[in-house]
């Protein structure tokens, strides 16, 4: 078996995934300002590249960004005024390459998005 990263490993043609994730919070009464970290930036690795990434936060505040101990990018925002609604939207265009050790082992599978997720493969 050829190991991942070996020069002889075969690749499927790359696929582009256009993924949008939206989370909305709504409150009956204004909530106090708060710190809110999110992990919505795709990971870069041997089998995927992030071509585009945008994170929108529909609230007034200050943003910060750091890498956690697991290598995930954390984007945080310090919401500075009370609010009754907050929406966070992440949109990414990711190129994915699947490594194939033995093409005869590949199943013929039709992939579909999970319920509640919006995204498309190009």
PDB file of N, CA and C in Angstrom:
ATOM      1  N   UNK A   1       0.838  -1.175   0.000  1.00  0.00           N
ATOM      2  CA  UNK A   1       0.000   0.000   0.000  1.00  0.00           C
ATOM      3  C   UNK A   1       0.886   1.241   0.000  1.00  0.00           C
ATOM      4  N   UNK A   2       0.532   2.217  -0.784  1.00  0.00           N
ATOM      5  CA  UNK A   2       1.280   3.474  -0.869  1.00  0.00           C
ATOM      6  C   UNK A   2       0.762   4.399   0.222  1.00  0.00           C
ATOM      7  N   UNK A   3       1.646   4.960   0.994  1.00  0.00           N
ATOM      8  CA  UNK A   3       1.272   5.832   2.107  1.00  0.00           C
ATOM      9  C   UNK A   3       1.031   7.263   1.644  1.00  0.00           C
ATOM     10  N   UNK A   4       0.144   7.937   2.370  1.00  0.00           N
ATOM     11  CA  UNK A   4      -0.137   9.349   2.146  1.00  0.00           C
ATOM     12  C   UNK A   4       1.179  10.116   2.147  1.00  0.00           C
ATOM     13  N   UNK A   5       1.382  10.983   1.181  1.00  0.00           N
ATOM     14  CA  UNK A   5       2.594  11.766   1.089  1.00  0.00           C
ATOM     15  C   UNK A   5       3.678  11.128   0.248  1.00  0.00           C
ATOM     16  N   UNK A   6       3.516   9.854  -0.086  1.00  0.00           N
ATOM     17  CA  UNK A   6       4.490   9.155  -0.921  1.00  0.00           C
ATOM     18  C   UNK A   6       4.365   9.677  -2.347  1.00  0.00           C
ATOM     19  N   UNK A   7       5.492   9.888  -3.057  1.00  0.00           N
ATOM     20  CA  UNK A   7       5.421  10.442  -4.415  1.00  0.00           C
ATOM     21  C   UNK A   7       4.574   9.612  -5.373  1.00  0.00           C
ATOM     22  N   UNK A   8       4.436   8.310  -5.107  1.00  0.00           N
ATOM     23  CA  UNK A   8       3.667   7.459  -6.019  1.00  0.00           C
ATOM     24  C   UNK A   8       2.175   7.453  -5.708  1.00  0.00           C
ATOM     25  N   UNK A   9       1.756   8.157  -4.645  1.00  0.00           N
ATOM     26  CA  UNK A   9       0.331   8.195  -4.315  1.00  0.00           C
ATOM     27  C   UNK A   9      -0.435   8.831  -5.474  1.00  0.00           C
ATOM     28  N   UNK A  10      -1.603   8.272  -5.763  1.00  0.00           N
ATOM     29  CA  UNK A  10      -2.421   8.792  -6.859  1.00  0.00           C
ATOM     30  C   UNK A  10      -3.412   9.814  -6.307  1.00  0.00           C
ATOM     31  N   UNK A  11      -3.841  10.733  -7.146  1.00  0.00           N
ATOM     32  CA  UNK A  11      -4.803  11.742  -6.742  1.00  0.00           C
ATOM     33  C   UNK A  11      -6.008  11.710  -7.664  1.00  0.00           C
ATOM     34  N   UNK A  12      -7.174  11.919  -7.092  1.00  0.00           N
ATOM     35  CA  UNK A  12      -8.343  12.220  -7.908  1.00  0.00           C
ATOM     36  C   UNK A  12      -8.180  13.666  -8.357  1.00  0.00           C
ATOM     37  N   UNK A  13      -8.852  14.046  -9.437  1.00  0.00           N
ATOM     38  CA  UNK A  13      -8.809  15.463  -9.814  1.00  0.00           C
ATOM     39  C   UNK A  13      -9.339  16.307  -8.647  1.00  0.00           C
ATOM     40  N   UNK A  14      -8.751  17.479  -8.408  1.00  0.00           N
ATOM     41  CA  UNK A  14      -9.213  18.308  -7.294  1.00  0.00           C
ATOM     42  C   UNK A  14     -10.664  18.736  -7.478  1.00  0.00           C
ATOM     43  N   UNK A  15     -11.347  18.912  -6.347  1.00  0.00           N
ATOM     44  CA  UNK A  15     -12.723  19.407  -6.358  1.00  0.00           C
ATOM     45  C   UNK A  15     -12.748  20.737  -5.626  1.00  0.00           C
ATOM     46  N   UNK A  16     -13.609  21.613  -6.062  1.00  0.00           N
ATOM     47  CA  UNK A  16     -13.809  22.880  -5.371  1.00  0.00           C
ATOM     48  C   UNK A  16     -15.097  22.797  -4.554  1.00  0.00           C
ATOM     49  N   UNK A  17     -14.991  23.116  -3.281  1.00  0.00           N
ATOM     50  CA  UNK A  17     -16.152  23.152  -2.400  1.00  0.00           C
ATOM     51  C   UNK A  17     -16.415  24.597  -2.014  1.00  0.00           C
ATOM     52  N   UNK A  18     -17.633  25.048  -2.252  1.00  0.00           N
ATOM     53  CA  UNK A  18     -18.063  26.391  -1.884  1.00  0.00           C
ATOM     54  C   UNK A  18     -19.001  26.209  -0.694  1.00  0.00           C
ATOM     55  N   UNK A  19     -18.520  26.569   0.501  1.00  0.00           N
ATOM     56  CA  UNK A  19     -19.250  26.260   1.730  1.00  0.00           C
ATOM     57  C   UNK A  19     -19.651  27.548   2.434  1.00  0.00           C
ATOM     58  N   UNK A  20     -20.908  27.626   2.834  1.00  0.00           N
ATOM     59  CA  UNK A  20     -21.370  28.750   3.637  1.00  0.00           C
ATOM     60  C   UNK A  20     -21.991  28.211   4.915  1.00  0.00           C
ATOM     61  N   UNK A  21     -21.567  28.794   6.036  1.00  0.00           N
ATOM     62  CA  UNK A  21     -22.099  28.422   7.350  1.00  0.00           C
ATOM     63  C   UNK A  21     -22.627  29.697   7.995  1.00  0.00           C
ATOM     64  N   UNK A  22     -23.865  29.647   8.453  1.00  0.00           N
ATOM     65  CA  UNK A  22     -24.457  30.821   9.095  1.00  0.00           C
ATOM     66  C   UNK A  22     -25.087  30.397  10.418  1.00  0.00           C
ATOM     67  N   UNK A  23     -24.755  31.147  11.459  1.00  0.00           N
ATOM     68  CA  UNK A  23     -25.360  30.937  12.771  1.00  0.00           C
ATOM     69  C   UNK A  23     -25.960  32.270  13.212  1.00  0.00           C
ATOM     70  N   UNK A  24     -27.222  32.229  13.624  1.00  0.00           N
ATOM     71  CA  UNK A  24     -27.893  33.435  14.100  1.00  0.00           C
ATOM     72  C   UNK A  24     -28.383  33.221  15.528  1.00  0.00           C
ATOM     73  N   UNK A  25     -28.188  34.236  16.340  1.00  0.00           N
ATOM     74  CA  UNK A  25     -28.676  34.231  17.718  1.00  0.00           C
ATOM     75  C   UNK A  25     -29.678  35.359  17.850  1.00  0.00           C
ATOM     76  N   UNK A  26     -30.832  35.065  18.461  1.00  0.00           N
ATOM     77  CA  UNK A  26     -31.855  36.088  18.676  1.00  0.00           C
ATOM     78  C   UNK A  26     -32.316  36.006  20.136  1.00  0.00           C
ATOM     79  N   UNK A  27     -32.426  37.172  20.755  1.00  0.00           N
ATOM     80  CA  UNK A  27     -32.808  37.253  22.165  1.00  0.00           C
ATOM     81  C   UNK A  27     -33.991  38.194  22.319  1.00  0.00           C
ATOM     82  N   UNK A  28     -34.844  37.910  23.291  1.00  0.00           N
ATOM     83  CA  UNK A  28     -36.012  38.761  23.545  1.00  0.00           C
ATOM     84  C   UNK A  28     -35.619  40.096  24.175  1.00  0.00           C
ATOM     85  N   UNK A  29     -34.562  40.084  24.965  1.00  0.00           N
ATOM     86  CA  UNK A  29     -34.074  41.312  25.608  1.00  0.00           C
ATOM     87  C   UNK A  29     -32.600  41.480  25.241  1.00  0.00           C
ATOM     88  N   UNK A  30     -32.092  42.698  25.226  1.00  0.00           N
ATOM     89  CA  UNK A  30     -30.673  42.903  24.893  1.00  0.00           C
ATOM     90  C   UNK A  30     -29.752  42.142  25.848  1.00  0.00           C
ATOM     91  N   UNK A  31     -28.725  41.528  25.290  1.00  0.00           N
ATOM     92  CA  UNK A  31     -27.740  40.813  26.106  1.00  0.00           C
ATOM     93  C   UNK A  31     -26.493  41.677  26.233  1.00  0.00           C
ATOM     94  N   UNK A  32     -25.763  41.432  27.295  1.00  0.00           N
ATOM     95  CA  UNK A  32     -24.575  42.229  27.597  1.00  0.00           C
ATOM     96  C   UNK A  32     -23.460  41.943  26.598  1.00  0.00           C
ATOM     97  N   UNK A  33     -22.561  42.910  26.424  1.00  0.00           N
ATOM     98  CA  UNK A  33     -21.391  42.669  25.568  1.00  0.00           C
ATOM     99  C   UNK A  33     -20.632  41.430  26.038  1.00  0.00           C
ATOM    100  N   UNK A  34     -19.988  40.748  25.094  1.00  0.00           N
ATOM    101  CA  UNK A  34     -19.284  39.513  25.446  1.00  0.00           C
ATOM    102  C   UNK A  34     -18.189  39.189  24.445  1.00  0.00           C
ATOM    103  N   UNK A  35     -17.278  38.317  24.870  1.00  0.00           N
ATOM    104  CA  UNK A  35     -16.268  37.762  23.981  1.00  0.00           C
ATOM    105  C   UNK A  35     -16.855  36.516  23.342  1.00  0.00           C
ATOM    106  N   UNK A  36     -16.648  36.346  22.040  1.00  0.00           N
ATOM    107  CA  UNK A  36     -17.210  35.193  21.332  1.00  0.00           C
ATOM    108  C   UNK A  36     -16.188  34.630  20.351  1.00  0.00           C
ATOM    109  N   UNK A  37     -15.483  33.548  20.717  1.00  0.00           N
ATOM    110  CA  UNK A  37     -14.551  32.915  19.777  1.00  0.00           C
ATOM    111  C   UNK A  37     -15.277  31.902  18.887  1.00  0.00           C
ATOM    112  N   UNK A  38     -14.900  31.838  17.608  1.00  0.00           N
ATOM    113  CA  UNK A  38     -15.470  30.851  16.687  1.00  0.00           C
ATOM    114  C   UNK A  38     -14.340  30.171  15.916  1.00  0.00           C
ATOM    115  N   UNK A  39     -14.575  28.934  15.539  1.00  0.00           N
ATOM    116  CA  UNK A  39     -13.615  28.163  14.741  1.00  0.00           C
ATOM    117  C   UNK A  39     -14.296  27.799  13.428  1.00  0.00           C
ATOM    118  N   UNK A  40     -14.290  28.760  12.489  1.00  0.00           N
ATOM    119  CA  UNK A  40     -14.978  28.584  11.216  1.00  0.00           C
ATOM    120  C   UNK A  40     -14.047  28.754  10.025  1.00  0.00           C
ATOM    121  N   UNK A  41     -12.743  28.803  10.256  1.00  0.00           N
ATOM    122  CA  UNK A  41     -11.766  28.896   9.173  1.00  0.00           C
ATOM    123  C   UNK A  41     -11.310  27.487   8.818  1.00  0.00           C
ATOM    124  N   UNK A  42     -11.429  27.065   7.554  1.00  0.00           N
ATOM    125  CA  UNK A  42     -11.013  25.719   7.175  1.00  0.00           C
ATOM    126  C   UNK A  42      -9.515  25.493   7.424  1.00  0.00           C
ATOM    127  N   UNK A  43      -9.171  24.263   7.727  1.00  0.00           N
ATOM    128  CA  UNK A  43      -7.786  23.883   7.967  1.00  0.00           C
ATOM    129  C   UNK A  43      -7.075  23.687   6.631  1.00  0.00           C
ATOM    130  N   UNK A  44      -5.843  24.153   6.546  1.00  0.00           N
ATOM    131  CA  UNK A  44      -5.007  23.936   5.369  1.00  0.00           C
ATOM    132  C   UNK A  44      -4.161  22.699   5.643  1.00  0.00           C
ATOM    133  N   UNK A  45      -4.094  21.793   4.671  1.00  0.00           N
ATOM    134  CA  UNK A  45      -3.307  20.582   4.863  1.00  0.00           C
ATOM    135  C   UNK A  45      -2.890  19.986   3.544  1.00  0.00           C
ATOM    136  N   UNK A  46      -2.351  18.772   3.610  1.00  0.00           N
ATOM    137  CA  UNK A  46      -1.853  18.099   2.414  1.00  0.00           C
ATOM    138  C   UNK A  46      -2.948  17.846   1.394  1.00  0.00           C
ATOM    139  N   UNK A  47      -4.189  17.699   1.858  1.00  0.00           N
ATOM    140  CA  UNK A  47      -5.251  17.351   0.924  1.00  0.00           C
ATOM    141  C   UNK A  47      -6.243  18.487   0.661  1.00  0.00           C
ATOM    142  N   UNK A  48      -6.013  19.671   1.252  1.00  0.00           N
ATOM    143  CA  UNK A  48      -6.912  20.777   0.923  1.00  0.00           C
ATOM    144  C   UNK A  48      -6.210  22.120   1.065  1.00  0.00           C
ATOM    145  N   UNK A  49      -6.642  23.039   0.182  1.00  0.00           N
ATOM    146  CA  UNK A  49      -6.150  24.418   0.181  1.00  0.00           C
ATOM    147  C   UNK A  49      -7.345  25.347   0.298  1.00  0.00           C
ATOM    148  N   UNK A  50      -7.189  26.388   1.076  1.00  0.00           N
ATOM    149  CA  UNK A  50      -8.237  27.395   1.201  1.00  0.00           C
ATOM    150  C   UNK A  50      -7.945  28.486   0.172  1.00  0.00           C
ATOM    151  N   UNK A  51      -8.807  28.595  -0.830  1.00  0.00           N
ATOM    152  CA  UNK A  51      -8.629  29.584  -1.887  1.00  0.00           C
ATOM    153  C   UNK A  51      -9.218  30.933  -1.493  1.00  0.00           C
ATOM    154  N   UNK A  52     -10.330  30.896  -0.775  1.00  0.00           N
ATOM    155  CA  UNK A  52     -10.987  32.120  -0.296  1.00  0.00           C
ATOM    156  C   UNK A  52     -11.625  31.810   1.048  1.00  0.00           C
ATOM    157  N   UNK A  53     -11.623  32.797   1.914  1.00  0.00           N
ATOM    158  CA  UNK A  53     -12.345  32.649   3.186  1.00  0.00           C
ATOM    159  C   UNK A  53     -12.760  34.029   3.669  1.00  0.00           C
ATOM    160  N   UNK A  54     -14.003  34.133   4.077  1.00  0.00           N
ATOM    161  CA  UNK A  54     -14.531  35.388   4.598  1.00  0.00           C
ATOM    162  C   UNK A  54     -15.393  35.073   5.817  1.00  0.00           C
ATOM    163  N   UNK A  55     -15.210  35.837   6.874  1.00  0.00           N
ATOM    164  CA  UNK A  55     -16.015  35.689   8.080  1.00  0.00           C
ATOM    165  C   UNK A  55     -16.673  37.028   8.364  1.00  0.00           C
ATOM    166  N   UNK A  56     -18.011  37.026   8.378  1.00  0.00           N
ATOM    167  CA  UNK A  56     -18.766  38.255   8.647  1.00  0.00           C
ATOM    168  C   UNK A  56     -19.481  38.121   9.989  1.00  0.00           C
ATOM    169  N   UNK A  57     -19.363  39.166  10.783  1.00  0.00           N
ATOM    170  CA  UNK A  57     -20.058  39.236  12.071  1.00  0.00           C
ATOM    171  C   UNK A  57     -20.911  40.489  12.033  1.00  0.00           C
ATOM    172  N   UNK A  58     -22.211  40.308  12.171  1.00  0.00           N
ATOM    173  CA  UNK A  58     -23.126  41.440  12.086  1.00  0.00           C
ATOM    174  C   UNK A  58     -23.396  41.989  13.485  1.00  0.00           C
ATOM    175  N   UNK A  59     -22.361  42.592  14.046  1.00  0.00           N
ATOM    176  CA  UNK A  59     -22.463  43.252  15.351  1.00  0.00           C
ATOM    177  C   UNK A  59     -21.261  44.176  15.494  1.00  0.00           C
ATOM    178  N   UNK A  60     -21.419  45.205  16.299  1.00  0.00           N
ATOM    179  CA  UNK A  60     -20.305  46.111  16.553  1.00  0.00           C
ATOM    180  C   UNK A  60     -19.321  45.433  17.503  1.00  0.00           C
ATOM    181  N   UNK A  61     -18.039  45.582  17.196  1.00  0.00           N
ATOM    182  CA  UNK A  61     -17.059  44.997  18.097  1.00  0.00           C
ATOM    183  C   UNK A  61     -15.668  44.965  17.507  1.00  0.00           C
ATOM    184  N   UNK A  62     -14.757  44.406  18.263  1.00  0.00           N
ATOM    185  CA  UNK A  62     -13.355  44.292  17.903  1.00  0.00           C
ATOM    186  C   UNK A  62     -13.057  42.830  17.614  1.00  0.00           C
ATOM    187  N   UNK A  63     -12.304  42.575  16.538  1.00  0.00           N
ATOM    188  CA  UNK A  63     -11.936  41.198  16.175  1.00  0.00           C
ATOM    189  C   UNK A  63     -10.511  40.897  16.590  1.00  0.00           C
ATOM    190  N   UNK A  64     -10.270  39.614  16.857  1.00  0.00           N
ATOM    191  CA  UNK A  64      -8.918  39.128  17.095  1.00  0.00           C
ATOM    192  C   UNK A  64      -8.813  37.742  16.486  1.00  0.00           C
ATOM    193  N   UNK A  65      -7.591  37.285  16.284  1.00  0.00           N
ATOM    194  CA  UNK A  65      -7.385  36.001  15.616  1.00  0.00           C
ATOM    195  C   UNK A  65      -6.130  35.343  16.190  1.00  0.00           C
ATOM    196  N   UNK A  66      -6.216  34.025  16.422  1.00  0.00           N
ATOM    197  CA  UNK A  66      -5.057  33.297  16.908  1.00  0.00           C
ATOM    198  C   UNK A  66      -5.183  31.829  16.515  1.00  0.00           C
ATOM    199  N   UNK A  67      -4.114  31.080  16.675  1.00  0.00           N
ATOM    200  CA  UNK A  67      -4.110  29.642  16.401  1.00  0.00           C
ATOM    201  C   UNK A  67      -4.160  28.915  17.738  1.00  0.00           C
ATOM    202  N   UNK A  68      -5.106  27.957  17.876  1.00  0.00           N
ATOM    203  CA  UNK A  68      -5.203  27.220  19.135  1.00  0.00           C
ATOM    204  C   UNK A  68      -4.163  26.096  19.179  1.00  0.00           C
ATOM    205  N   UNK A  69      -4.117  25.360  20.279  1.00  0.00           N
ATOM    206  CA  UNK A  69      -3.086  24.331  20.462  1.00  0.00           C
ATOM    207  C   UNK A  69      -3.217  23.174  19.472  1.00  0.00           C
ATOM    208  N   UNK A  70      -4.363  23.046  18.809  1.00  0.00           N
ATOM    209  CA  UNK A  70      -4.569  21.980  17.826  1.00  0.00           C
ATOM    210  C   UNK A  70      -4.309  22.448  16.393  1.00  0.00           C
ATOM    211  N   UNK A  71      -3.919  23.713  16.204  1.00  0.00           N
ATOM    212  CA  UNK A  71      -3.637  24.241  14.878  1.00  0.00           C
ATOM    213  C   UNK A  71      -4.836  24.854  14.191  1.00  0.00           C
ATOM    214  N   UNK A  72      -5.979  24.974  14.886  1.00  0.00           N
ATOM    215  CA  UNK A  72      -7.166  25.602  14.314  1.00  0.00           C
ATOM    216  C   UNK A  72      -7.055  27.115  14.419  1.00  0.00           C
ATOM    217  N   UNK A  73      -7.522  27.812  13.395  1.00  0.00           N
ATOM    218  CA  UNK A  73      -7.579  29.273  13.448  1.00  0.00           C
ATOM    219  C   UNK A  73      -8.842  29.658  14.214  1.00  0.00           C
ATOM    220  N   UNK A  74      -8.678  30.461  15.248  1.00  0.00           N
ATOM    221  CA  UNK A  74      -9.798  30.942  16.051  1.00  0.00           C
ATOM    222  C   UNK A  74      -9.954  32.429  15.769  1.00  0.00           C
ATOM    223  N   UNK A  75     -11.147  32.815  15.348  1.00  0.00           N
ATOM    224  CA  UNK A  75     -11.457  34.225  15.177  1.00  0.00           C
ATOM    225  C   UNK A  75     -12.431  34.585  16.289  1.00  0.00           C
ATOM    226  N   UNK A  76     -12.081  35.602  17.015  1.00  0.00           N
ATOM    227  CA  UNK A  76     -12.949  36.022  18.099  1.00  0.00           C
ATOM    228  C   UNK A  76     -13.410  37.433  17.859  1.00  0.00           C
ATOM    229  N   UNK A  77     -14.481  37.771  18.497  1.00  0.00           N
ATOM    230  CA  UNK A  77     -14.955  39.136  18.421  1.00  0.00           C
ATOM    231  C   UNK A  77     -15.462  39.528  19.796  1.00  0.00           C
ATOM    232  N   UNK A  78     -15.134  40.720  20.169  1.00  0.00           N
ATOM    233  CA  UNK A  78     -15.548  41.294  21.438  1.00  0.00           C
ATOM    234  C   UNK A  78     -16.687  42.253  21.117  1.00  0.00           C
ATOM    235  N   UNK A  79     -17.906  41.788  21.320  1.00  0.00           N
ATOM    236  CA  UNK A  79     -19.080  42.612  21.026  1.00  0.00           C
ATOM    237  C   UNK A  79     -19.140  43.695  22.095  1.00  0.00           C
ATOM    238  N   UNK A  80     -19.148  44.945  21.670  1.00  0.00           N
ATOM    239  CA  UNK A  80     -18.972  46.067  22.599  1.00  0.00           C
ATOM    240  C   UNK A  80     -20.267  46.741  23.039  1.00  0.00           C
ATOM    241  N   UNK A  81     -21.386  46.407  22.402  1.00  0.00           N
ATOM    242  CA  UNK A  81     -22.663  47.025  22.784  1.00  0.00           C
ATOM    243  C   UNK A  81     -23.708  45.930  22.972  1.00  0.00           C
ATOM    244  N   UNK A  82     -24.701  46.155  23.854  1.00  0.00           N
ATOM    245  CA  UNK A  82     -25.771  45.163  24.007  1.00  0.00           C
ATOM    246  C   UNK A  82     -26.491  44.938  22.681  1.00  0.00           C
ATOM    247  N   UNK A  83     -26.990  43.703  22.477  1.00  0.00           N
ATOM    248  CA  UNK A  83     -27.655  43.379  21.214  1.00  0.00           C
ATOM    249  C   UNK A  83     -28.766  42.365  21.441  1.00  0.00           C
ATOM    250  N   UNK A  84     -29.691  42.309  20.481  1.00  0.00           N
ATOM    251  CA  UNK A  84     -30.770  41.322  20.524  1.00  0.00           C
ATOM    252  C   UNK A  84     -30.629  40.303  19.400  1.00  0.00           C
ATOM    253  N   UNK A  85     -29.755  40.598  18.440  1.00  0.00           N
ATOM    254  CA  UNK A  85     -29.545  39.665  17.334  1.00  0.00           C
ATOM    255  C   UNK A  85     -28.074  39.707  16.920  1.00  0.00           C
ATOM    256  N   UNK A  86     -27.525  38.542  16.655  1.00  0.00           N
ATOM    257  CA  UNK A  86     -26.138  38.423  16.220  1.00  0.00           C
ATOM    258  C   UNK A  86     -26.076  37.329  15.167  1.00  0.00           C
ATOM    259  N   UNK A  87     -25.500  37.637  14.015  1.00  0.00           N
ATOM    260  CA  UNK A  87     -25.341  36.641  12.950  1.00  0.00           C
ATOM    261  C   UNK A  87     -23.875  36.555  12.573  1.00  0.00           C
ATOM    262  N   UNK A  88     -23.377  35.325  12.504  1.00  0.00           N
ATOM    263  CA  UNK A  88     -22.002  35.041  12.091  1.00  0.00           C
ATOM    264  C   UNK A  88     -22.090  34.199  10.824  1.00  0.00           C
ATOM    265  N   UNK A  89     -21.448  34.660   9.754  1.00  0.00           N
ATOM    266  CA  UNK A  89     -21.471  33.944   8.475  1.00  0.00           C
ATOM    267  C   UNK A  89     -20.043  33.685   8.024  1.00  0.00           C
ATOM    268  N   UNK A  90     -19.767  32.435   7.712  1.00  0.00           N
ATOM    269  CA  UNK A  90     -18.458  32.047   7.188  1.00  0.00           C
ATOM    270  C   UNK A  90     -18.671  31.497   5.786  1.00  0.00           C
ATOM    271  N   UNK A  91     -17.887  32.001   4.824  1.00  0.00           N
ATOM    272  CA  UNK A  91     -17.948  31.477   3.463  1.00  0.00           C
ATOM    273  C   UNK A  91     -16.538  31.134   3.037  1.00  0.00           C
ATOM    274  N   UNK A  92     -16.381  29.918   2.503  1.00  0.00           N
ATOM    275  CA  UNK A  92     -15.053  29.447   2.098  1.00  0.00           C
ATOM    276  C   UNK A  92     -15.124  28.756   0.747  1.00  0.00           C
ATOM    277  N   UNK A  93     -14.066  28.950  -0.037  1.00  0.00           N
ATOM    278  CA  UNK A  93     -13.868  28.205  -1.270  1.00  0.00           C
ATOM    279  C   UNK A  93     -12.618  27.364  -1.031  1.00  0.00           C
ATOM    280  N   UNK A  94     -12.795  26.051  -1.044  1.00  0.00           N
ATOM    281  CA  UNK A  94     -11.726  25.134  -0.663  1.00  0.00           C
ATOM    282  C   UNK A  94     -11.484  24.148  -1.798  1.00  0.00           C
ATOM    283  N   UNK A  95     -10.220  23.951  -2.141  1.00  0.00           N
ATOM    284  CA  UNK A  95      -9.835  22.939  -3.121  1.00  0.00           C
ATOM    285  C   UNK A  95      -9.428  21.694  -2.353  1.00  0.00           C
ATOM    286  N   UNK A  96     -10.073  20.575  -2.677  1.00  0.00           N
ATOM    287  CA  UNK A  96      -9.830  19.322  -1.973  1.00  0.00           C
ATOM    288  C   UNK A  96      -9.261  18.302  -2.941  1.00  0.00           C
ATOM    289  N   UNK A  97      -8.175  17.661  -2.542  1.00  0.00           N
ATOM    290  CA  UNK A  97      -7.563  16.588  -3.322  1.00  0.00           C
ATOM    291  C   UNK A  97      -7.649  15.325  -2.488  1.00  0.00           C
ATOM    292  N   UNK A  98      -8.251  14.289  -3.034  1.00  0.00           N
ATOM    293  CA  UNK A  98      -8.339  13.025  -2.319  1.00  0.00           C
ATOM    294  C   UNK A  98      -7.213  12.117  -2.775  1.00  0.00           C
ATOM    295  N   UNK A  99      -6.455  11.626  -1.803  1.00  0.00           N
ATOM    296  CA  UNK A  99      -5.388  10.681  -2.130  1.00  0.00           C
ATOM    297  C   UNK A  99      -5.978   9.288  -2.256  1.00  0.00           C
ATOM    298  N   UNK A 100      -5.529   8.552  -3.252  1.00  0.00           N
ATOM    299  CA  UNK A 100      -6.043   7.213  -3.515  1.00  0.00           C
ATOM    300  C   UNK A 100      -4.871   6.247  -3.458  1.00  0.00           C
ATOM    301  N   UNK A 101      -4.917   5.333  -2.503  1.00  0.00           N
ATOM    302  CA  UNK A 101      -3.861   4.335  -2.418  1.00  0.00           C
ATOM    303  C   UNK A 101      -4.072   3.225  -3.446  1.00  0.00           C
ATOM    304  N   UNK A 102      -5.319   2.830  -3.639  1.00  0.00           N
ATOM    305  CA  UNK A 102      -5.636   1.769  -4.584  1.00  0.00           C
ATOM    306  C   UNK A 102      -6.983   2.098  -5.222  1.00  0.00           C
ATOM    307  N   UNK A 103      -6.991   2.579  -6.464  1.00  0.00           N
ATOM    308  CA  UNK A 103      -8.244   2.997  -7.102  1.00  0.00           C
ATOM    309  C   UNK A 103      -9.317   1.919  -7.143  1.00  0.00           C
ATOM    310  N   UNK A 104      -8.926   0.655  -7.139  1.00  0.00           N
ATOM    311  CA  UNK A 104      -9.937  -0.405  -7.191  1.00  0.00           C
ATOM    312  C   UNK A 104     -10.730  -0.488  -5.880  1.00  0.00           C
ATOM    313  N   UNK A 105     -10.235   0.132  -4.823  1.00  0.00           N
ATOM    314  CA  UNK A 105     -10.924   0.109  -3.535  1.00  0.00           C
ATOM    315  C   UNK A 105     -11.919   1.245  -3.363  1.00  0.00           C
ATOM    316  N   UNK A 106     -11.947   2.177  -4.322  1.00  0.00           N
ATOM    317  CA  UNK A 106     -12.839   3.320  -4.194  1.00  0.00           C
ATOM    318  C   UNK A 106     -14.292   2.925  -4.407  1.00  0.00           C
ATOM    319  N   UNK A 107     -15.163   3.272  -3.475  1.00  0.00           N
ATOM    320  CA  UNK A 107     -16.588   2.985  -3.677  1.00  0.00           C
ATOM    321  C   UNK A 107     -17.181   3.997  -4.657  1.00  0.00           C
ATOM    322  N   UNK A 108     -18.252   3.600  -5.282  1.00  0.00           N
ATOM    323  CA  UNK A 108     -18.982   4.517  -6.141  1.00  0.00           C
ATOM    324  C   UNK A 108     -20.083   5.118  -5.280  1.00  0.00           C
ATOM    325  N   UNK A 109     -19.853   6.323  -4.772  1.00  0.00           N
ATOM    326  CA  UNK A 109     -20.756   6.949  -3.811  1.00  0.00           C
ATOM    327  C   UNK A 109     -21.177   8.316  -4.320  1.00  0.00           C
ATOM    328  N   UNK A 110     -22.459   8.610  -4.200  1.00  0.00           N
ATOM    329  CA  UNK A 110     -22.978   9.937  -4.495  1.00  0.00           C
ATOM    330  C   UNK A 110     -23.021  10.694  -3.180  1.00  0.00           C
ATOM    331  N   UNK A 111     -22.273  11.789  -3.062  1.00  0.00           N
ATOM    332  CA  UNK A 111     -22.244  12.552  -1.819  1.00  0.00           C
ATOM    333  C   UNK A 111     -23.256  13.674  -1.876  1.00  0.00           C
ATOM    334  N   UNK A 112     -23.962  13.856  -0.771  1.00  0.00           N
ATOM    335  CA  UNK A 112     -24.928  14.942  -0.669  1.00  0.00           C
ATOM    336  C   UNK A 112     -24.678  15.688   0.634  1.00  0.00           C
ATOM    337  N   UNK A 113     -25.005  16.985   0.687  1.00  0.00           N
ATOM    338  CA  UNK A 113     -24.809  17.746   1.925  1.00  0.00           C
ATOM    339  C   UNK A 113     -25.693  17.210   3.045  1.00  0.00           C
ATOM    340  N   UNK A 114     -25.226  17.369   4.265  1.00  0.00           N
ATOM    341  CA  UNK A 114     -26.029  17.012   5.443  1.00  0.00           C
ATOM    342  C   UNK A 114     -27.209  17.956   5.547  1.00  0.00           C
ATOM    343  N   UNK A 115     -28.315  17.492   6.137  1.00  0.00           N
ATOM    344  CA  UNK A 115     -29.465  18.391   6.336  1.00  0.00           C
ATOM    345  C   UNK A 115     -29.029  19.608   7.155  1.00  0.00           C
ATOM    346  N   UNK A 116     -29.502  20.767   6.766  1.00  0.00           N
ATOM    347  CA  UNK A 116     -29.175  21.980   7.488  1.00  0.00           C
ATOM    348  C   UNK A 116     -27.897  22.656   7.029  1.00  0.00           C
ATOM    349  N   UNK A 117     -27.124  21.997   6.168  1.00  0.00           N
ATOM    350  CA  UNK A 117     -25.885  22.600   5.664  1.00  0.00           C
ATOM    351  C   UNK A 117     -26.114  23.030   4.233  1.00  0.00           C
ATOM    352  N   UNK A 118     -25.552  24.198   3.904  1.00  0.00           N
ATOM    353  CA  UNK A 118     -25.637  24.658   2.527  1.00  0.00           C
ATOM    354  C   UNK A 118     -24.240  24.640   1.946  1.00  0.00           C
ATOM    355  N   UNK A 119     -24.087  24.070   0.806  1.00  0.00           N
ATOM    356  CA  UNK A 119     -22.790  24.051   0.152  1.00  0.00           C
ATOM    357  C   UNK A 119     -22.938  23.384  -1.195  1.00  0.00           C
ATOM    358  N   UNK A 120     -21.956  23.563  -2.031  1.00  0.00           N
ATOM    359  CA  UNK A 120     -22.014  22.929  -3.337  1.00  0.00           C
ATOM    360  C   UNK A 120     -20.637  22.499  -3.761  1.00  0.00           C
ATOM    361  N   UNK A 121     -20.556  21.395  -4.463  1.00  0.00           N
ATOM    362  CA  UNK A 121     -19.295  20.931  -5.033  1.00  0.00           C
ATOM    363  C   UNK A 121     -19.277  21.360  -6.488  1.00  0.00           C
ATOM    364  N   UNK A 122     -18.143  21.875  -6.919  1.00  0.00           N
ATOM    365  CA  UNK A 122     -18.017  22.289  -8.326  1.00  0.00           C
ATOM    366  C   UNK A 122     -17.105  21.343  -9.037  1.00  0.00           C
TER     367      UNK A 122
END
